[in-house]
Amino acid sequence: RNIIENGKERLTPKEYEQYMKIADEEADQRQVRASLKLFSKCMY
């Protein structure tokens, strides 16, 4: 989370929102299925 918070300006609002939903266990199953790709994209 610290990496995401410190660099969130480099993410789109949608990417940041989806990341936080997954981190807070609020994502639906469709988002969880795609979560590892989202993680990689955000980190890059």
All heavy atoms as atom14 arrays in JSON, in Angstrom:
{
  "sequence": "RNIIENGKERLTPKEYEQYMKIADEEADQRQVRASLKLFSKCMY",
  "atom14_mask": [
    [1, 1, 1, 1, 1, 1, 1, 1, 1, 1, 1, 0, 0, 0],
    [1, 1, 1, 1, 1, 1, 1, 1, 0, 0, 0, 0, 0, 0],
    [1, 1, 1, 1, 1, 1, 1, 1, 0, 0, 0, 0, 0, 0],
    [1, 1, 1, 1, 1, 1, 1, 1, 0, 0, 0, 0, 0, 0],
    [1, 1, 1, 1, 1, 1, 1, 1, 1, 0, 0, 0, 0, 0],
    [1, 1, 1, 1, 1, 1, 1, 1, 0, 0, 0, 0, 0, 0],
    [1, 1, 1, 1, 0, 0, 0, 0, 0, 0, 0, 0, 0, 0],
    [1, 1, 1, 1, 1, 1, 1, 1, 1, 0, 0, 0, 0, 0],
    [1, 1, 1, 1, 1, 1, 1, 1, 1, 0, 0, 0, 0, 0],
    [1, 1, 1, 1, 1, 1, 1, 1, 1, 1, 1, 0, 0, 0],
    [1, 1, 1, 1, 1, 1, 1, 1, 0, 0, 0, 0, 0, 0],
    [1, 1, 1, 1, 1, 1, 1, 0, 0, 0, 0, 0, 0, 0],
    [1, 1, 1, 1, 1, 1, 1, 0, 0, 0, 0, 0, 0, 0],
    [1, 1, 1, 1, 1, 1, 1, 1, 1, 0, 0, 0, 0, 0],
    [1, 1, 1, 1, 1, 1, 1, 1, 1, 0, 0, 0, 0, 0],
    [1, 1, 1, 1, 1, 1, 1, 1, 1, 1, 1, 1, 0, 0],
    [1, 1, 1, 1, 1, 1, 1, 1, 1, 0, 0, 0, 0, 0],
    [1, 1, 1, 1, 1, 1, 1, 1, 1, 0, 0, 0, 0, 0],
    [1, 1, 1, 1, 1, 1, 1, 1, 1, 1, 1, 1, 0, 0],
    [1, 1, 1, 1, 1, 1, 1, 1, 0, 0, 0, 0, 0, 0],
    [1, 1, 1, 1, 1, 1, 1, 1, 1, 0, 0, 0, 0, 0],
    [1, 1, 1, 1, 1, 1, 1, 1, 0, 0, 0, 0, 0, 0],
    [1, 1, 1, 1, 1, 0, 0, 0, 0, 0, 0, 0, 0, 0],
    [1, 1, 1, 1, 1, 1, 1, 1, 0, 0, 0, 0, 0, 0],
    [1, 1, 1, 1, 1, 1, 1, 1, 1, 0, 0, 0, 0, 0],
    [1, 1, 1, 1, 1, 1, 1, 1, 1, 0, 0, 0, 0, 0],
    [1, 1, 1, 1, 1, 0, 0, 0, 0, 0, 0, 0, 0, 0],
    [1, 1, 1, 1, 1, 1, 1, 1, 0, 0, 0, 0, 0, 0],
    [1, 1, 1, 1, 1, 1, 1, 1, 1, 0, 0, 0, 0, 0],
    [1, 1, 1, 1, 1, 1, 1, 1, 1, 1, 1, 0, 0, 0],
    [1, 1, 1, 1, 1, 1, 1, 1, 1, 0, 0, 0, 0, 0],
    [1, 1, 1, 1, 1, 1, 1, 0, 0, 0, 0, 0, 0, 0],
    [1, 1, 1, 1, 1, 1, 1, 1, 1, 1, 1, 0, 0, 0],
    [1, 1, 1, 1, 1, 0, 0, 0, 0, 0, 0, 0, 0, 0],
    [1, 1, 1, 1, 1, 1, 0, 0, 0, 0, 0, 0, 0, 0],
    [1, 1, 1, 1, 1, 1, 1, 1, 0, 0, 0, 0, 0, 0],
    [1, 1, 1, 1, 1, 1, 1, 1, 1, 0, 0, 0, 0, 0],
    [1, 1, 1, 1, 1, 1, 1, 1, 0, 0, 0, 0, 0, 0],
    [1, 1, 1, 1, 1, 1, 1, 1, 1, 1, 1, 0, 0, 0],
    [1, 1, 1, 1, 1, 1, 0, 0, 0, 0, 0, 0, 0, 0],
    [1, 1, 1, 1, 1, 1, 1, 1, 1, 0, 0, 0, 0, 0],
    [1, 1, 1, 1, 1, 1, 0, 0, 0, 0, 0, 0, 0, 0],
    [1, 1, 1, 1, 1, 1, 1, 1, 0, 0, 0, 0, 0, 0],
    [1, 1, 1, 1, 1, 1, 1, 1, 1, 1, 1, 1, 0, 0]
  ],
  "atom14_positions": [
    [[0.82, -1.21, 0.0], [0.0, 0.0, 0.0], [0.87, 1.27, 0.0], [0.51, 2.28, -0.63], [-0.93, 0.0, 1.21], [-2.01, 1.07, 1.17], [-2.82, 1.06, 2.46], [-3.64, -0.13, 2.6], [-4.94, -0.17, 2.32], [-5.56, 0.91, 1.87], [-5.62, -1.29, 2.5], [0.0, 0.0, 0.0], [0.0, 0.0, 0.0], [0.0, 0.0, 0.0]],
    [[1.99, 1.25, 0.7], [2.83, 2.46, 0.77], [3.35, 2.86, -0.6], [3.44, 4.06, -0.91], [4.0, 2.25, 1.75], [5.0, 1.22, 1.25], [4.6, 0.13, 0.84], [6.29, 1.54, 1.28], [0.0, 0.0, 0.0], [0.0, 0.0, 0.0], [0.0, 0.0, 0.0], [0.0, 0.0, 0.0], [0.0, 0.0, 0.0], [0.0, 0.0, 0.0]],
    [[3.68, 1.87, -1.44], [4.17, 2.18, -2.79], [3.06, 2.83, -3.61], [3.28, 3.81, -4.33], [4.68, 0.9, -3.49], [5.9, 0.35, -2.73], [5.04, 1.17, -4.94], [6.43, -0.96, -3.28], [0.0, 0.0, 0.0], [0.0, 0.0, 0.0], [0.0, 0.0, 0.0], [0.0, 0.0, 0.0], [0.0, 0.0, 0.0], [0.0, 0.0, 0.0]],
    [[1.85, 2.28, -3.47], [0.7, 2.8, -4.22], [0.38, 4.23, -3.75], [0.15, 5.14, -4.57], [-0.52, 1.88, -4.04], [-0.25, 0.51, -4.65], [-1.77, 2.52, -4.67], [-0.02, 0.52, -6.15], [0.0, 0.0, 0.0], [0.0, 0.0, 0.0], [0.0, 0.0, 0.0], [0.0, 0.0, 0.0], [0.0, 0.0, 0.0], [0.0, 0.0, 0.0]],
    [[0.35, 4.44, -2.45], [0.01, 5.77, -1.92], [1.05, 6.82, -2.33], [0.7, 7.96, -2.68], [-0.1, 5.72, -0.39], [-1.26, 4.88, 0.13], [-2.62, 5.51, -0.13], [-2.69, 6.6, -0.74], [-3.63, 4.9, 0.26], [0.0, 0.0, 0.0], [0.0, 0.0, 0.0], [0.0, 0.0, 0.0], [0.0, 0.0, 0.0], [0.0, 0.0, 0.0]],
    [[2.32, 6.41, -2.32], [3.38, 7.36, -2.66], [3.43, 7.67, -4.16], [3.97, 8.7, -4.57], [4.74, 6.84, -2.21], [4.87, 6.81, -0.7], [4.21, 7.58, 0.01], [5.72, 5.93, -0.19], [0.0, 0.0, 0.0], [0.0, 0.0, 0.0], [0.0, 0.0, 0.0], [0.0, 0.0, 0.0], [0.0, 0.0, 0.0], [0.0, 0.0, 0.0]],
    [[2.86, 6.78, -4.97], [2.94, 7.01, -6.42], [1.59, 7.03, -7.11], [1.52, 6.83, -8.32], [0.0, 0.0, 0.0], [0.0, 0.0, 0.0], [0.0, 0.0, 0.0], [0.0, 0.0, 0.0], [0.0, 0.0, 0.0], [0.0, 0.0, 0.0], [0.0, 0.0, 0.0], [0.0, 0.0, 0.0], [0.0, 0.0, 0.0], [0.0, 0.0, 0.0]],
    [[0.54, 7.31, -6.35], [-0.81, 7.19, -6.93], [-1.07, 8.21, -8.03], [-1.96, 8.03, -8.86], [-1.86, 7.29, -5.84], [-1.93, 8.62, -5.12], [-3.01, 8.56, -4.03], [-3.1, 9.87, -3.27], [-4.14, 9.78, -2.21], [0.0, 0.0, 0.0], [0.0, 0.0, 0.0], [0.0, 0.0, 0.0], [0.0, 0.0, 0.0], [0.0, 0.0, 0.0]],
    [[-0.29, 9.29, -8.05], [-0.49, 10.28, -9.1], [-0.14, 9.72, -10.48], [-0.55, 10.28, -11.51], [0.34, 11.55, -8.82], [1.84, 11.38, -8.95], [2.49, 10.76, -7.71], [1.76, 10.53, -6.71], [3.7, 10.52, -7.75], [0.0, 0.0, 0.0], [0.0, 0.0, 0.0], [0.0, 0.0, 0.0], [0.0, 0.0, 0.0], [0.0, 0.0, 0.0]],
    [[0.6, 8.61, -10.5], [0.97, 7.99, -11.78], [-0.09, 6.98, -12.26], [0.05, 6.43, -13.35], [2.31, 7.29, -11.65], [3.44, 8.24, -11.27], [4.77, 7.52, -11.17], [5.81, 8.43, -10.68], [7.09, 8.08, -10.47], [7.46, 6.84, -10.71], [7.95, 8.97, -10.02], [0.0, 0.0, 0.0], [0.0, 0.0, 0.0], [0.0, 0.0, 0.0]],
    [[-1.08, 6.75, -11.41], [-2.17, 5.84, -11.77], [-3.4, 6.63, -12.16], [-3.59, 7.77, -11.73], [-2.51, 4.93, -10.58], [-1.38, 4.11, -9.97], [-1.92, 3.3, -8.78], [-0.74, 3.18, -11.0], [0.0, 0.0, 0.0], [0.0, 0.0, 0.0], [0.0, 0.0, 0.0], [0.0, 0.0, 0.0], [0.0, 0.0, 0.0], [0.0, 0.0, 0.0]],
    [[-4.25, 6.0, -12.96], [-5.54, 6.61, -13.23], [-6.41, 6.46, -11.99], [-6.19, 5.55, -11.18], [-6.23, 5.94, -14.43], [-6.57, 4.6, -14.07], [-5.34, 5.94, -15.66], [0.0, 0.0, 0.0], [0.0, 0.0, 0.0], [0.0, 0.0, 0.0], [0.0, 0.0, 0.0], [0.0, 0.0, 0.0], [0.0, 0.0, 0.0], [0.0, 0.0, 0.0]],
    [[-7.41, 7.31, -11.82], [-8.31, 7.15, -10.67], [-8.95, 5.77, -10.61], [-9.12, 5.21, -9.53], [-9.36, 8.25, -10.91], [-8.65, 9.28, -11.7], [-7.71, 8.53, -12.6], [0.0, 0.0, 0.0], [0.0, 0.0, 0.0], [0.0, 0.0, 0.0], [0.0, 0.0, 0.0], [0.0, 0.0, 0.0], [0.0, 0.0, 0.0], [0.0, 0.0, 0.0]],
    [[-9.27, 5.2, -11.78], [-9.89, 3.87, -11.81], [-8.93, 2.8, -11.32], [-9.31, 1.9, -10.56], [-10.36, 3.55, -13.22], [-11.09, 2.22, -13.33], [-11.58, 1.98, -14.76], [-12.31, 0.64, -14.86], [-12.79, 0.39, -16.25], [0.0, 0.0, 0.0], [0.0, 0.0, 0.0], [0.0, 0.0, 0.0], [0.0, 0.0, 0.0], [0.0, 0.0, 0.0]],
    [[-7.65, 2.89, -11.73], [-6.65, 1.92, -11.3], [-6.44, 1.99, -9.79], [-6.37, 0.96, -9.1], [-5.32, 2.16, -12.03], [-5.37, 1.78, -13.5], [-4.19, 2.31, -14.29], [-3.49, 3.23, -13.77], [-3.97, 1.84, -15.41], [0.0, 0.0, 0.0], [0.0, 0.0, 0.0], [0.0, 0.0, 0.0], [0.0, 0.0, 0.0], [0.0, 0.0, 0.0]],
    [[-6.34, 3.2, -9.28], [-6.15, 3.37, -7.83], [-7.37, 2.84, -7.07], [-7.21, 2.13, -6.06], [-5.94, 4.85, -7.52], [-5.82, 5.16, -6.04], [-4.65, 4.88, -5.34], [-6.9, 5.69, -5.35], [-4.54, 5.15, -3.99], [-6.81, 5.96, -3.98], [-5.63, 5.68, -3.31], [-5.54, 5.93, -1.96], [0.0, 0.0, 0.0], [0.0, 0.0, 0.0]],
    [[-8.56, 3.14, -7.56], [-9.78, 2.69, -6.89], [-9.87, 1.16, -6.88], [-10.2, 0.56, -5.85], [-11.0, 3.28, -7.59], [-12.33, 2.85, -6.98], [-13.52, 3.35, -7.78], [-13.33, 4.03, -8.82], [-14.66, 3.03, -7.38], [0.0, 0.0, 0.0], [0.0, 0.0, 0.0], [0.0, 0.0, 0.0], [0.0, 0.0, 0.0], [0.0, 0.0, 0.0]],
    [[-9.57, 0.54, -8.03], [-9.63, -0.93, -8.1], [-8.59, -1.56, -7.18], [-8.86, -2.56, -6.52], [-9.41, -1.39, -9.54], [-10.59, -1.12, -10.46], [-10.36, -1.67, -11.86], [-9.24, -1.95, -12.25], [-11.45, -1.8, -12.61], [0.0, 0.0, 0.0], [0.0, 0.0, 0.0], [0.0, 0.0, 0.0], [0.0, 0.0, 0.0], [0.0, 0.0, 0.0]],
    [[-7.39, -0.99, -7.15], [-6.33, -1.52, -6.27], [-6.79, -1.49, -4.82], [-6.63, -2.47, -4.08], [-5.04, -0.72, -6.44], [-3.85, -1.35, -5.73], [-2.91, -2.09, -6.44], [-3.68, -1.22, -4.35], [-1.82, -2.67, -5.8], [-2.61, -1.8, -3.69], [-1.69, -2.53, -4.42], [-0.63, -3.12, -3.77], [0.0, 0.0, 0.0], [0.0, 0.0, 0.0]],
    [[-7.35, -0.36, -4.39], [-7.76, -0.21, -3.0], [-8.95, -1.12, -2.66], [-9.05, -1.63, -1.54], [-8.11, 1.25, -2.71], [-6.88, 2.14, -2.66], [-5.65, 1.54, -1.46], [-4.22, 2.52, -1.89], [0.0, 0.0, 0.0], [0.0, 0.0, 0.0], [0.0, 0.0, 0.0], [0.0, 0.0, 0.0], [0.0, 0.0, 0.0], [0.0, 0.0, 0.0]],
    [[-9.83, -1.34, -3.61], [-10.94, -2.26, -3.37], [-10.42, -3.67, -3.1], [-10.9, -4.37, -2.2], [-11.89, -2.28, -4.58], [-12.91, -1.17, -4.59], [-13.93, -1.4, -5.71], [-15.04, -0.38, -5.64], [-16.06, -0.61, -6.69], [0.0, 0.0, 0.0], [0.0, 0.0, 0.0], [0.0, 0.0, 0.0], [0.0, 0.0, 0.0], [0.0, 0.0, 0.0]],
    [[-9.43, -4.08, -3.88], [-8.86, -5.41, -3.67], [-8.13, -5.46, -2.33], [-8.26, -6.43, -1.57], [-7.91, -5.78, -4.83], [-8.7, -5.9, -6.13], [-7.18, -7.1, -4.53], [-7.85, -6.02, -7.38], [0.0, 0.0, 0.0], [0.0, 0.0, 0.0], [0.0, 0.0, 0.0], [0.0, 0.0, 0.0], [0.0, 0.0, 0.0], [0.0, 0.0, 0.0]],
    [[-7.36, -4.44, -2.01], [-6.62, -4.39, -0.74], [-7.55, -4.39, 0.45], [-7.21, -4.94, 1.52], [-5.72, -3.17, -0.71], [0.0, 0.0, 0.0], [0.0, 0.0, 0.0], [0.0, 0.0, 0.0], [0.0, 0.0, 0.0], [0.0, 0.0, 0.0], [0.0, 0.0, 0.0], [0.0, 0.0, 0.0], [0.0, 0.0, 0.0], [0.0, 0.0, 0.0]],
    [[-8.74, -3.83, 0.3], [-9.7, -3.73, 1.41], [-10.76, -4.83, 1.38], [-11.76, -4.74, 2.11], [-10.39, -2.36, 1.36], [-9.42, -1.21, 1.63], [-8.41, -1.44, 2.33], [-9.67, -0.1, 1.11], [0.0, 0.0, 0.0], [0.0, 0.0, 0.0], [0.0, 0.0, 0.0], [0.0, 0.0, 0.0], [0.0, 0.0, 0.0], [0.0, 0.0, 0.0]],
    [[-10.55, -5.85, 0.54], [-11.46, -7.0, 0.42], [-12.87, -6.59, -0.01], [-13.86, -7.21, 0.38], [-11.53, -7.78, 1.74], [-10.2, -8.33, 2.21], [-10.3, -9.03, 3.55], [-11.4, -9.53, 3.88], [-9.29, -9.06, 4.28], [0.0, 0.0, 0.0], [0.0, 0.0, 0.0], [0.0, 0.0, 0.0], [0.0, 0.0, 0.0], [0.0, 0.0, 0.0]],
    [[-12.96, -5.57, -0.83], [-14.25, -5.08, -1.29], [-14.47, -5.35, -2.78], [-15.53, -4.99, -3.32], [-14.36, -3.57, -1.03], [-14.32, -3.21, 0.46], [-14.3, -1.72, 0.7], [-14.18, -0.96, -0.31], [-14.39, -1.3, 1.87], [0.0, 0.0, 0.0], [0.0, 0.0, 0.0], [0.0, 0.0, 0.0], [0.0, 0.0, 0.0], [0.0, 0.0, 0.0]],
    [[-13.53, -5.98, -3.44], [-13.64, -6.23, -4.88], [-14.57, -7.39, -5.16], [-14.71, -8.31, -4.34], [-12.25, -6.5, -5.46], [0.0, 0.0, 0.0], [0.0, 0.0, 0.0], [0.0, 0.0, 0.0], [0.0, 0.0, 0.0], [0.0, 0.0, 0.0], [0.0, 0.0, 0.0], [0.0, 0.0, 0.0], [0.0, 0.0, 0.0], [0.0, 0.0, 0.0]],
    [[-15.2, -7.37, -6.34], [-16.01, -8.52, -6.74], [-15.11, -9.58, -7.35], [-13.91, -9.35, -7.59], [-17.13, -8.1, -7.7], [-16.6, -7.44, -8.98], [-15.52, -7.83, -9.46], [-17.29, -6.53, -9.5], [0.0, 0.0, 0.0], [0.0, 0.0, 0.0], [0.0, 0.0, 0.0], [0.0, 0.0, 0.0], [0.0, 0.0, 0.0], [0.0, 0.0, 0.0]],
    [[-15.7, -10.75, -7.63], [-14.87, -11.86, -8.09], [-14.23, -11.57, -9.44], [-13.08, -11.98, -9.69], [-15.7, -13.15, -8.17], [-14.85, -14.38, -8.46], [-15.63, -15.67, -8.48], [-15.43, -16.51, -9.35], [-16.53, -15.86, -7.52], [0.0, 0.0, 0.0], [0.0, 0.0, 0.0], [0.0, 0.0, 0.0], [0.0, 0.0, 0.0], [0.0, 0.0, 0.0]],
    [[-14.9, -10.85, -10.3], [-14.33, -10.52, -11.6], [-13.06, -9.69, -11.43], [-12.06, -9.93, -12.13], [-15.37, -9.75, -12.42], [-14.93, -9.37, -13.82], [-16.1, -8.79, -14.6], [-16.73, -7.71, -13.86], [-16.33, -6.44, -13.89], [-15.28, -6.1, -14.64], [-16.95, -5.51, -13.2], [0.0, 0.0, 0.0], [0.0, 0.0, 0.0], [0.0, 0.0, 0.0]],
    [[-13.06, -8.76, -10.49], [-11.88, -7.94, -10.24], [-10.76, -8.73, -9.59], [-9.58, -8.52, -9.89], [-12.27, -6.74, -9.36], [-13.19, -5.75, -10.05], [-13.76, -4.72, -9.1], [-14.07, -5.04, -7.94], [-13.93, -3.49, -9.56], [0.0, 0.0, 0.0], [0.0, 0.0, 0.0], [0.0, 0.0, 0.0], [0.0, 0.0, 0.0], [0.0, 0.0, 0.0]],
    [[-11.13, -9.66, -8.71], [-10.11, -10.5, -8.06], [-9.43, -11.4, -9.08], [-8.21, -11.63, -9.03], [-10.74, -11.34, -6.93], [-9.73, -12.33, -6.36], [-11.26, -10.43, -5.82], [0.0, 0.0, 0.0], [0.0, 0.0, 0.0], [0.0, 0.0, 0.0], [0.0, 0.0, 0.0], [0.0, 0.0, 0.0], [0.0, 0.0, 0.0], [0.0, 0.0, 0.0]],
    [[-10.19, -11.91, -10.05], [-9.61, -12.76, -11.09], [-8.52, -12.02, -11.88], [-7.55, -12.62, -12.31], [-10.69, -13.26, -12.04], [-11.6, -14.33, -11.45], [-12.77, -14.63, -12.38], [-13.68, -15.6, -11.8], [-13.87, -16.84, -12.27], [-13.19, -17.26, -13.31], [-14.73, -17.65, -11.69], [0.0, 0.0, 0.0], [0.0, 0.0, 0.0], [0.0, 0.0, 0.0]],
    [[-8.69, -10.73, -12.05], [-7.72, -9.92, -12.82], [-6.73, -9.19, -11.92], [-5.97, -8.33, -12.4], [-8.48, -8.92, -13.68], [0.0, 0.0, 0.0], [0.0, 0.0, 0.0], [0.0, 0.0, 0.0], [0.0, 0.0, 0.0], [0.0, 0.0, 0.0], [0.0, 0.0, 0.0], [0.0, 0.0, 0.0], [0.0, 0.0, 0.0], [0.0, 0.0, 0.0]],
    [[-6.7, -9.54, -10.64], [-5.95, -8.74, -9.67], [-4.44, -8.77, -9.88], [-3.76, -7.74, -9.71], [-6.28, -9.21, -8.24], [-5.95, -10.59, -8.08], [0.0, 0.0, 0.0], [0.0, 0.0, 0.0], [0.0, 0.0, 0.0], [0.0, 0.0, 0.0], [0.0, 0.0, 0.0], [0.0, 0.0, 0.0], [0.0, 0.0, 0.0], [0.0, 0.0, 0.0]],
    [[-3.88, -9.9, -10.24], [-2.41, -9.98, -10.36], [-1.9, -9.16, -11.54], [-0.82, -8.57, -11.47], [-1.98, -11.45, -10.51], [-2.38, -12.38, -9.35], [-1.71, -13.74, -9.51], [-2.04, -11.78, -8.0], [0.0, 0.0, 0.0], [0.0, 0.0, 0.0], [0.0, 0.0, 0.0], [0.0, 0.0, 0.0], [0.0, 0.0, 0.0], [0.0, 0.0, 0.0]],
    [[-2.69, -9.12, -12.6], [-2.3, -8.27, -13.73], [-2.39, -6.8, -13.34], [-1.52, -5.98, -13.69], [-3.18, -8.55, -14.93], [-2.77, -7.79, -16.18], [-3.58, -8.21, -17.38], [-3.1, -7.47, -18.64], [-3.87, -7.89, -19.84], [0.0, 0.0, 0.0], [0.0, 0.0, 0.0], [0.0, 0.0, 0.0], [0.0, 0.0, 0.0], [0.0, 0.0, 0.0]],
    [[-3.45, -6.42, -12.6], [-3.6, -5.05, -12.13], [-2.42, -4.66, -11.24], [-1.86, -3.56, -11.36], [-4.9, -4.88, -11.37], [-5.11, -3.51, -10.7], [-5.28, -2.43, -11.75], [-6.29, -3.54, -9.74], [0.0, 0.0, 0.0], [0.0, 0.0, 0.0], [0.0, 0.0, 0.0], [0.0, 0.0, 0.0], [0.0, 0.0, 0.0], [0.0, 0.0, 0.0]],
    [[-2.03, -5.56, -10.33], [-0.89, -5.3, -9.44], [0.35, -5.0, -10.27], [1.07, -4.01, -10.02], [-0.66, -6.52, -8.54], [0.51, -6.37, -7.61], [0.33, -5.89, -6.32], [1.79, -6.7, -8.0], [1.4, -5.75, -5.45], [2.88, -6.57, -7.15], [2.68, -6.09, -5.86], [0.0, 0.0, 0.0], [0.0, 0.0, 0.0], [0.0, 0.0, 0.0]],
    [[0.63, -5.83, -11.26], [1.83, -5.67, -12.08], [1.81, -4.35, -12.84], [2.84, -3.64, -12.93], [1.94, -6.83, -13.07], [1.91, -8.08, -12.4], [0.0, 0.0, 0.0], [0.0, 0.0, 0.0], [0.0, 0.0, 0.0], [0.0, 0.0, 0.0], [0.0, 0.0, 0.0], [0.0, 0.0, 0.0], [0.0, 0.0, 0.0], [0.0, 0.0, 0.0]],
    [[0.66, -4.0, -13.37], [0.54, -2.76, -14.14], [0.76, -1.54, -13.25], [1.48, -0.6, -13.61], [-0.83, -2.7, -14.8], [-1.03, -1.49, -15.69], [-2.4, -1.51, -16.34], [-2.6, -0.31, -17.27], [-3.95, -0.33, -17.9], [0.0, 0.0, 0.0], [0.0, 0.0, 0.0], [0.0, 0.0, 0.0], [0.0, 0.0, 0.0], [0.0, 0.0, 0.0]],
    [[0.13, -1.56, -12.07], [0.28, -0.43, -11.15], [1.72, -0.27, -10.7], [2.26, 0.85, -10.63], [-0.64, -0.61, -9.94], [-2.4, -0.46, -10.32], [0.0, 0.0, 0.0], [0.0, 0.0, 0.0], [0.0, 0.0, 0.0], [0.0, 0.0, 0.0], [0.0, 0.0, 0.0], [0.0, 0.0, 0.0], [0.0, 0.0, 0.0], [0.0, 0.0, 0.0]],
    [[2.37, -1.4, -10.38], [3.76, -1.33, -9.93], [4.68, -0.82, -11.04], [5.61, -0.04, -10.79], [4.22, -2.72, -9.45], [3.59, -3.14, -8.16], [4.07, -2.06, -6.8], [2.72, -2.32, -5.65], [0.0, 0.0, 0.0], [0.0, 0.0, 0.0], [0.0, 0.0, 0.0], [0.0, 0.0, 0.0], [0.0, 0.0, 0.0], [0.0, 0.0, 0.0]],
    [[4.41, -1.21, -12.27], [5.24, -0.74, -13.38], [5.07, 0.76, -13.59], [6.05, 1.49, -13.81], [4.88, -1.48, -14.66], [5.72, -1.05, -15.84], [7.01, -1.54, -16.01], [5.25, -0.1, -16.75], [7.81, -1.11, -17.07], [6.02, 0.34, -17.81], [7.32, -0.18, -17.96], [8.09, 0.25, -19.02], [0.0, 0.0, 0.0], [0.0, 0.0, 0.0]]
  ]
}
